[in-house]
């Protein structure tokens, strides 16, 4: 099973200005929730692990999880804290700029005891996705690494920092925390923007290669229109161009990419077979290339739709067969 820890929220995405008014469409989202839904739609068994508010937005989120057959821990639902909200404006290329309403919200109020209890529920947990604003906002930012360090047997960790400067209160502490999680992880997926924010002035490709070697990580670097690159600890680099579909917006594109990678690798027993402790199998160049191609197709389909609306496995396979 794939586990996904982190935030579920409501995205309010700006539409065209009407006079002095800016109307917004509301979409269910959040890095963790988007990733969980993407992997589930692609046919994998997934549990979302995060607190969901009892308010009206939280009920929408819960209904969305049910509709998409994403499993969840009932004890983390109906939290008294409010839902986390995000407001996004889109530039000419469909890229989003965010403002977040986070203080005292349900997703970031998760305790270590709650997280450890939730991690115990799925008996066949193989890989755990963590990241995004949950690693920037207290108390969740401290709870998640601490719980993962304490939890046994340790699943394979897939980290997606999804760096959002708007929610980072202390950049030094944030970077130190990410480096602690890198020590625990087997995968990290970053965008070129993530690396530029974390390591200003450094060449992003050189830094990705360095991280793979330094932390013995599989590093997946997304480069927007330049596609993606995968760096292994052994020095292998595999690149993949984009699939050029019409772009409506890029909301959730990176989350879909992560979910597709997780689904592809999980369904091919790359995280160990049933009955064994989770252990990453050796990934050769053909496997990496196919995984990147699959994730690229899934992400391209999401970009062709408004908001984060990940594709099904049949839609991805149909696109790949048409190329």
Protein backbone atom coordinates (compact mmCIF):
# COMPACT_ATOMS: atom_id res chain seq x y z
CA UNK A 1 0.00 0.00 0.00
CA UNK A 2 0.97 3.62 -0.61
CA UNK A 3 0.58 6.01 2.32
CA UNK A 4 0.38 9.79 1.84
CA UNK A 5 0.90 12.15 4.80
CA UNK A 6 0.12 15.83 4.65
CA UNK A 7 -2.46 18.45 3.89
CA UNK A 8 -5.84 18.40 2.21
CA UNK A 9 -7.25 21.86 1.49
CA UNK A 10 -9.55 23.91 -0.68
CA UNK A 11 -7.95 25.77 -3.61
CA UNK A 12 -9.71 28.95 -4.67
CA UNK A 13 -8.46 29.64 -8.20
CA UNK A 14 -8.99 33.13 -9.63
CA UNK A 15 -10.98 33.56 -12.82
CA UNK A 16 -11.06 36.60 -15.10
CA UNK A 17 -11.64 39.90 -13.31
CA UNK A 18 -15.19 41.27 -13.57
CA UNK A 19 -15.01 44.99 -12.81
CA UNK A 20 -13.67 45.41 -9.28
CA UNK A 21 -14.53 41.79 -8.44
CA UNK A 22 -12.32 38.70 -8.83
CA UNK A 23 -14.43 35.52 -8.94
CA UNK A 24 -12.87 32.24 -7.80
CA UNK A 25 -13.55 28.60 -8.59
CA UNK A 26 -13.07 26.33 -5.58
CA UNK A 27 -11.33 22.97 -5.99
CA UNK A 28 -10.38 20.28 -3.49
CA UNK A 29 -6.61 20.01 -3.38
CA UNK A 30 -3.41 19.99 -1.38
CA UNK A 31 -0.16 18.25 -2.29
CA UNK A 32 -0.87 15.15 -0.22
CA UNK A 33 -4.51 14.77 -1.22
CA UNK A 34 -3.74 15.37 -4.93
CA UNK A 35 -0.96 12.79 -4.85
CA UNK A 36 -3.20 10.24 -3.13
CA UNK A 37 -6.02 10.73 -5.63
CA UNK A 38 -3.62 10.57 -8.59
CA UNK A 39 -2.15 7.25 -7.44
CA UNK A 40 -5.59 5.82 -6.69
CA UNK A 41 -7.03 6.78 -10.09
CA UNK A 42 -4.05 5.03 -11.64
CA UNK A 43 -5.09 1.80 -9.93
CA UNK A 44 -3.05 1.68 -6.72
CA UNK A 45 -4.22 1.07 -3.16
CA UNK A 46 -3.67 4.33 -1.25
CA UNK A 47 -4.36 5.68 2.24
CA UNK A 48 -4.45 9.40 2.90
CA UNK A 49 -3.16 10.23 6.41
CA UNK A 50 -4.13 13.70 7.57
CA UNK A 51 -6.61 15.58 9.73
CA UNK A 52 -9.86 16.70 8.10
CA UNK A 53 -12.07 19.40 9.57
CA UNK A 54 -15.70 18.93 10.58
CA UNK A 55 -16.61 22.14 8.73
CA UNK A 56 -18.35 22.30 5.34
CA UNK A 57 -15.06 22.33 3.45
CA UNK A 58 -13.89 19.29 5.39
CA UNK A 59 -17.06 17.43 4.42
CA UNK A 60 -16.34 18.19 0.77
CA UNK A 61 -12.83 16.80 1.19
CA UNK A 62 -14.12 13.66 2.87
CA UNK A 63 -16.72 13.08 0.16
CA UNK A 64 -14.00 13.52 -2.46
CA UNK A 65 -11.83 10.86 -0.81
CA UNK A 66 -14.78 8.47 -0.72
CA UNK A 67 -15.71 9.17 -4.34
CA UNK A 68 -12.12 8.45 -5.42
CA UNK A 69 -11.81 5.31 -3.27
CA UNK A 70 -8.92 6.73 -1.26
CA UNK A 71 -8.76 5.13 2.19
CA UNK A 72 -8.45 7.29 5.31
CA UNK A 73 -8.36 7.01 9.09
CA UNK A 74 -11.83 7.83 10.53
CA UNK A 75 -10.26 8.95 13.81
CA UNK A 76 -8.62 11.89 11.98
CA UNK A 77 -11.90 13.11 10.46
CA UNK A 78 -14.32 15.66 11.92
CA UNK A 79 -11.56 17.69 13.62
CA UNK A 80 -12.69 20.80 15.50
CA UNK A 81 -10.10 22.97 13.75
CA UNK A 82 -11.09 24.69 10.46
CA UNK A 83 -10.04 23.60 6.99
CA UNK A 84 -6.91 24.98 5.36
CA UNK A 85 -7.63 27.34 2.43
CA UNK A 86 -5.43 28.44 -0.47
CA UNK A 87 -6.05 31.26 -2.93
CA UNK A 88 -4.30 31.08 -6.30
CA UNK A 89 -3.83 33.46 -9.19
CA UNK A 90 -2.58 32.18 -12.55
CA UNK A 91 0.02 33.80 -14.80
CA UNK A 92 0.04 33.72 -18.60
CA UNK A 93 1.54 30.21 -18.60
CA UNK A 94 -1.03 28.83 -16.17
CA UNK A 95 1.39 28.75 -13.22
CA UNK A 96 -0.16 29.48 -9.83
CA UNK A 97 0.88 31.98 -7.17
CA UNK A 98 -0.60 31.14 -3.75
CA UNK A 99 -1.79 32.83 -0.58
CA UNK A 100 -2.56 30.41 2.26
CA UNK A 101 -4.83 30.59 5.30
CA UNK A 102 -3.14 28.08 7.61
CA UNK A 103 -3.01 29.17 11.25
CA UNK A 104 -4.77 26.77 13.60
CA UNK A 105 -6.16 24.64 10.78
CA UNK A 106 -6.86 20.92 10.94
CA UNK A 107 -4.10 19.61 8.60
CA UNK A 108 -1.25 21.28 10.51
CA UNK A 109 -2.57 20.36 13.98
CA UNK A 110 -1.75 16.65 13.63
CA UNK A 111 0.00 15.30 16.76
CA UNK A 112 2.78 12.72 16.87
CA UNK A 113 0.53 10.27 18.73
CA UNK A 114 -2.21 10.66 16.11
CA UNK A 115 0.21 10.14 13.24
CA UNK A 116 1.89 7.10 14.78
CA UNK A 117 -1.51 5.52 15.46
CA UNK A 118 -2.62 6.17 11.89
CA UNK A 119 0.59 4.70 10.45
CA UNK A 120 -0.08 1.47 12.36
CA UNK A 121 -3.43 0.91 10.63
CA UNK A 122 -2.35 -0.22 7.13
CA UNK A 123 -0.61 -3.55 7.73
CA UNK A 124 0.98 -3.60 4.27
CA UNK A 125 2.37 -0.04 4.09
CA UNK A 126 5.29 -0.10 1.63
CA UNK A 127 6.02 3.53 0.77
CA UNK A 128 5.14 6.84 2.43
CA UNK A 129 4.87 10.16 0.60
CA UNK A 130 5.50 13.28 2.70
CA UNK A 131 6.09 16.94 1.94
CA UNK A 132 4.77 20.34 0.96
CA UNK A 133 3.45 22.93 3.39
CA UNK A 134 2.98 20.34 6.15
CA UNK A 135 6.77 20.40 6.49
CA UNK A 136 6.78 24.18 6.80
CA UNK A 137 4.03 24.85 9.35
CA UNK A 138 4.12 24.04 13.09
CA UNK A 139 3.33 21.77 14.77
CA UNK A 140 3.05 19.37 11.79
CA UNK A 141 6.49 20.34 10.49
CA UNK A 142 8.10 18.86 13.61
CA UNK A 143 5.58 16.07 14.18
CA UNK A 144 6.00 14.38 10.80
CA UNK A 145 9.81 13.85 10.86
CA UNK A 146 9.71 12.84 14.52
CA UNK A 147 6.96 10.26 13.96
CA UNK A 148 8.70 8.79 10.92
CA UNK A 149 11.94 8.41 12.85
CA UNK A 150 10.06 6.56 15.61
CA UNK A 151 7.84 4.36 13.43
CA UNK A 152 8.73 0.71 12.78
CA UNK A 153 8.96 -1.05 10.41
CA UNK A 154 10.08 1.94 8.38
CA UNK A 155 8.41 2.32 4.98
CA UNK A 156 10.30 3.69 2.00
CA UNK A 157 10.08 7.50 2.15
CA UNK A 158 9.23 9.60 -0.92
CA UNK A 159 9.77 13.32 -0.22
CA UNK A 160 8.23 16.14 -2.25
CA UNK A 161 9.17 19.48 -0.62
CA UNK A 162 6.93 21.48 -3.00
CA UNK A 163 8.52 24.63 -1.56
CA UNK A 164 6.04 27.45 -0.85
CA UNK A 165 7.86 30.61 0.35
CA UNK A 166 4.54 32.13 1.48
CA UNK A 167 4.32 29.69 4.40
CA UNK A 168 8.00 29.45 5.40
CA UNK A 169 8.50 31.48 8.57
CA UNK A 170 12.17 30.58 9.19
CA UNK A 171 14.07 29.61 6.04
CA UNK A 172 17.13 28.34 7.93
CA UNK A 173 15.07 26.05 10.18
CA UNK A 174 13.00 24.91 7.19
CA UNK A 175 16.07 23.94 5.19
CA UNK A 176 17.59 22.16 8.19
CA UNK A 177 14.35 20.20 8.64
CA UNK A 178 14.31 19.16 4.98
CA UNK A 179 17.89 17.97 5.22
CA UNK A 180 16.91 15.83 8.21
CA UNK A 181 14.12 14.25 6.17
CA UNK A 182 16.50 13.70 3.24
CA UNK A 183 18.52 11.46 5.55
CA UNK A 184 15.41 9.28 5.99
CA UNK A 185 14.24 9.30 2.36
CA UNK A 186 14.91 7.02 -0.59
CA UNK A 187 13.32 9.40 -3.14
CA UNK A 188 13.04 13.14 -3.45
CA UNK A 189 11.10 14.84 -6.22
CA UNK A 190 11.85 18.52 -6.72
CA UNK A 191 11.12 21.15 -9.33
CA UNK A 192 13.77 23.48 -10.65
CA UNK A 193 11.96 26.24 -8.74
CA UNK A 194 12.23 24.22 -5.50
CA UNK A 195 15.99 23.81 -5.88
CA UNK A 196 16.49 27.48 -6.82
CA UNK A 197 14.65 28.53 -3.68
CA UNK A 198 16.54 26.11 -1.44
CA UNK A 199 19.99 26.67 -2.98
CA UNK A 200 20.03 30.14 -4.61
CA UNK A 201 22.60 30.66 -7.32
CA UNK A 202 23.41 26.98 -7.80
CA UNK A 203 22.91 25.13 -11.07
CA UNK A 204 19.83 23.00 -10.40
CA UNK A 205 21.07 20.00 -12.38
CA UNK A 206 24.43 19.99 -10.62
CA UNK A 207 22.67 20.28 -7.27
CA UNK A 208 20.27 17.44 -8.06
CA UNK A 209 23.21 15.21 -8.98
CA UNK A 210 25.01 16.23 -5.78
CA UNK A 211 21.96 15.44 -3.60
CA UNK A 212 21.66 12.01 -5.16
CA UNK A 213 25.26 11.24 -4.30
CA UNK A 214 25.37 12.96 -0.88
CA UNK A 215 22.19 11.38 0.52
CA UNK A 216 22.20 8.17 -1.58
CA UNK A 217 18.84 9.19 -3.04
CA UNK A 218 16.84 8.73 -6.19
CA UNK A 219 16.41 12.39 -7.19
CA UNK A 220 13.70 13.30 -9.68
CA UNK A 221 13.99 16.85 -11.02
CA UNK A 222 11.13 18.43 -12.97
CA UNK A 223 12.07 21.25 -15.32
CA UNK A 224 8.79 22.61 -16.66
CA UNK A 225 8.85 22.75 -20.45
CA UNK A 226 12.30 21.12 -20.43
CA UNK A 227 10.85 17.86 -19.10
CA UNK A 228 12.36 15.92 -16.22
CA UNK A 229 15.58 14.21 -15.14
CA UNK A 230 16.19 11.30 -12.78
CA UNK A 231 19.53 11.07 -10.96
CA UNK A 232 20.58 7.88 -9.17
CA UNK A 233 23.13 7.59 -6.33
CA UNK A 234 25.35 5.60 -8.72
CA UNK A 235 25.61 8.52 -11.15
CA UNK A 236 23.07 7.45 -13.78
CA UNK A 237 20.98 10.25 -15.29
CA UNK A 238 17.83 9.60 -17.33
CA UNK A 239 16.00 12.47 -19.03
CA UNK A 240 12.44 12.69 -20.36
CA UNK A 241 10.90 15.42 -22.55
CA UNK A 242 7.43 16.79 -21.92
CA UNK A 243 4.33 15.56 -23.73
CA UNK A 244 3.03 18.73 -25.32
CA UNK A 245 -0.72 18.92 -24.68
CA UNK A 246 -2.64 22.21 -24.50
CA UNK A 247 -2.19 23.74 -21.02
CA UNK A 248 -5.19 25.09 -19.09
CA UNK A 249 -3.26 25.46 -15.83
CA UNK A 250 -0.48 23.66 -13.96
CA UNK A 251 -2.32 23.25 -10.64
CA UNK A 252 -1.57 19.79 -9.27
CA UNK A 253 0.76 18.85 -12.12
CA UNK A 254 3.67 18.05 -9.81
CA UNK A 255 1.41 16.15 -7.41
CA UNK A 256 0.06 14.06 -10.29
CA UNK A 257 3.65 13.40 -11.40
CA UNK A 258 4.51 12.13 -7.90
CA UNK A 259 1.36 10.02 -7.64
CA UNK A 260 2.03 8.47 -11.03
CA UNK A 261 5.64 7.61 -10.12
CA UNK A 262 4.50 6.02 -6.87
CA UNK A 263 1.75 4.05 -8.60
CA UNK A 264 4.02 2.84 -11.41
CA UNK A 265 6.79 1.67 -9.07
CA UNK A 266 4.45 0.21 -6.43
CA UNK A 267 2.53 -1.85 -8.96
CA UNK A 268 5.80 -3.35 -10.21
CA UNK A 269 6.91 -4.43 -6.70
CA UNK A 270 9.75 -1.91 -6.65
CA UNK A 271 9.11 -1.36 -2.93
CA UNK A 272 9.50 -5.03 -2.01
CA UNK A 273 7.12 -7.97 -2.32
CA UNK A 274 4.28 -8.76 0.08
CA UNK A 275 5.40 -10.35 3.33
CA UNK A 276 8.83 -8.71 3.27
CA UNK A 277 10.05 -5.54 4.93
CA UNK A 278 9.84 -2.58 2.54
CA UNK A 279 13.05 -2.37 0.54
CA UNK A 280 13.72 -0.53 -2.67
CA UNK A 281 14.72 -2.89 -5.46
CA UNK A 282 17.42 -2.00 -7.93
CA UNK A 283 16.11 0.40 -10.58
CA UNK A 284 17.69 0.07 -14.01
CA UNK A 285 17.58 2.59 -16.86
CA UNK A 286 14.61 1.02 -18.75
CA UNK A 287 12.50 0.97 -15.55
CA UNK A 288 13.38 4.59 -14.74
CA UNK A 289 12.65 5.69 -18.31
CA UNK A 290 9.26 3.97 -18.36
CA UNK A 291 8.34 5.41 -14.95
CA UNK A 292 9.23 8.94 -16.08
CA UNK A 293 7.27 8.52 -19.31
CA UNK A 294 4.20 7.29 -17.42
CA UNK A 295 4.39 10.17 -14.91
CA UNK A 296 4.96 12.71 -17.71
CA UNK A 297 1.82 11.54 -19.51
CA UNK A 298 -0.28 11.70 -16.34
CA UNK A 299 0.99 15.19 -15.54
CA UNK A 300 0.37 16.44 -19.10
CA UNK A 301 -3.27 15.32 -18.92
CA UNK A 302 -3.72 17.14 -15.60
CA UNK A 303 -2.30 20.34 -17.12
CA UNK A 304 -4.88 20.10 -19.92
CA UNK A 305 -7.68 20.39 -17.34
CA UNK A 306 -8.72 23.15 -14.94
CA UNK A 307 -7.58 22.54 -11.37
CA UNK A 308 -6.05 19.26 -10.24
CA UNK A 309 -8.05 16.54 -12.00
CA UNK A 310 -5.69 13.55 -12.34
CA UNK A 311 -6.31 11.01 -15.12
CA UNK A 312 -7.22 7.35 -14.89
CA UNK A 313 -4.79 4.63 -15.90
CA UNK A 314 -6.75 4.01 -19.11
CA UNK A 315 -6.42 7.69 -20.06
CA UNK A 316 -2.65 7.61 -19.52
CA UNK A 317 -2.21 4.40 -21.50
CA UNK A 318 -4.37 5.77 -24.30
CA UNK A 319 -2.24 8.92 -24.53
CA UNK A 320 0.99 6.91 -24.52
CA UNK A 321 -0.29 4.58 -27.23
CA UNK A 322 -1.13 7.57 -29.44
CA UNK A 323 2.40 9.00 -29.37
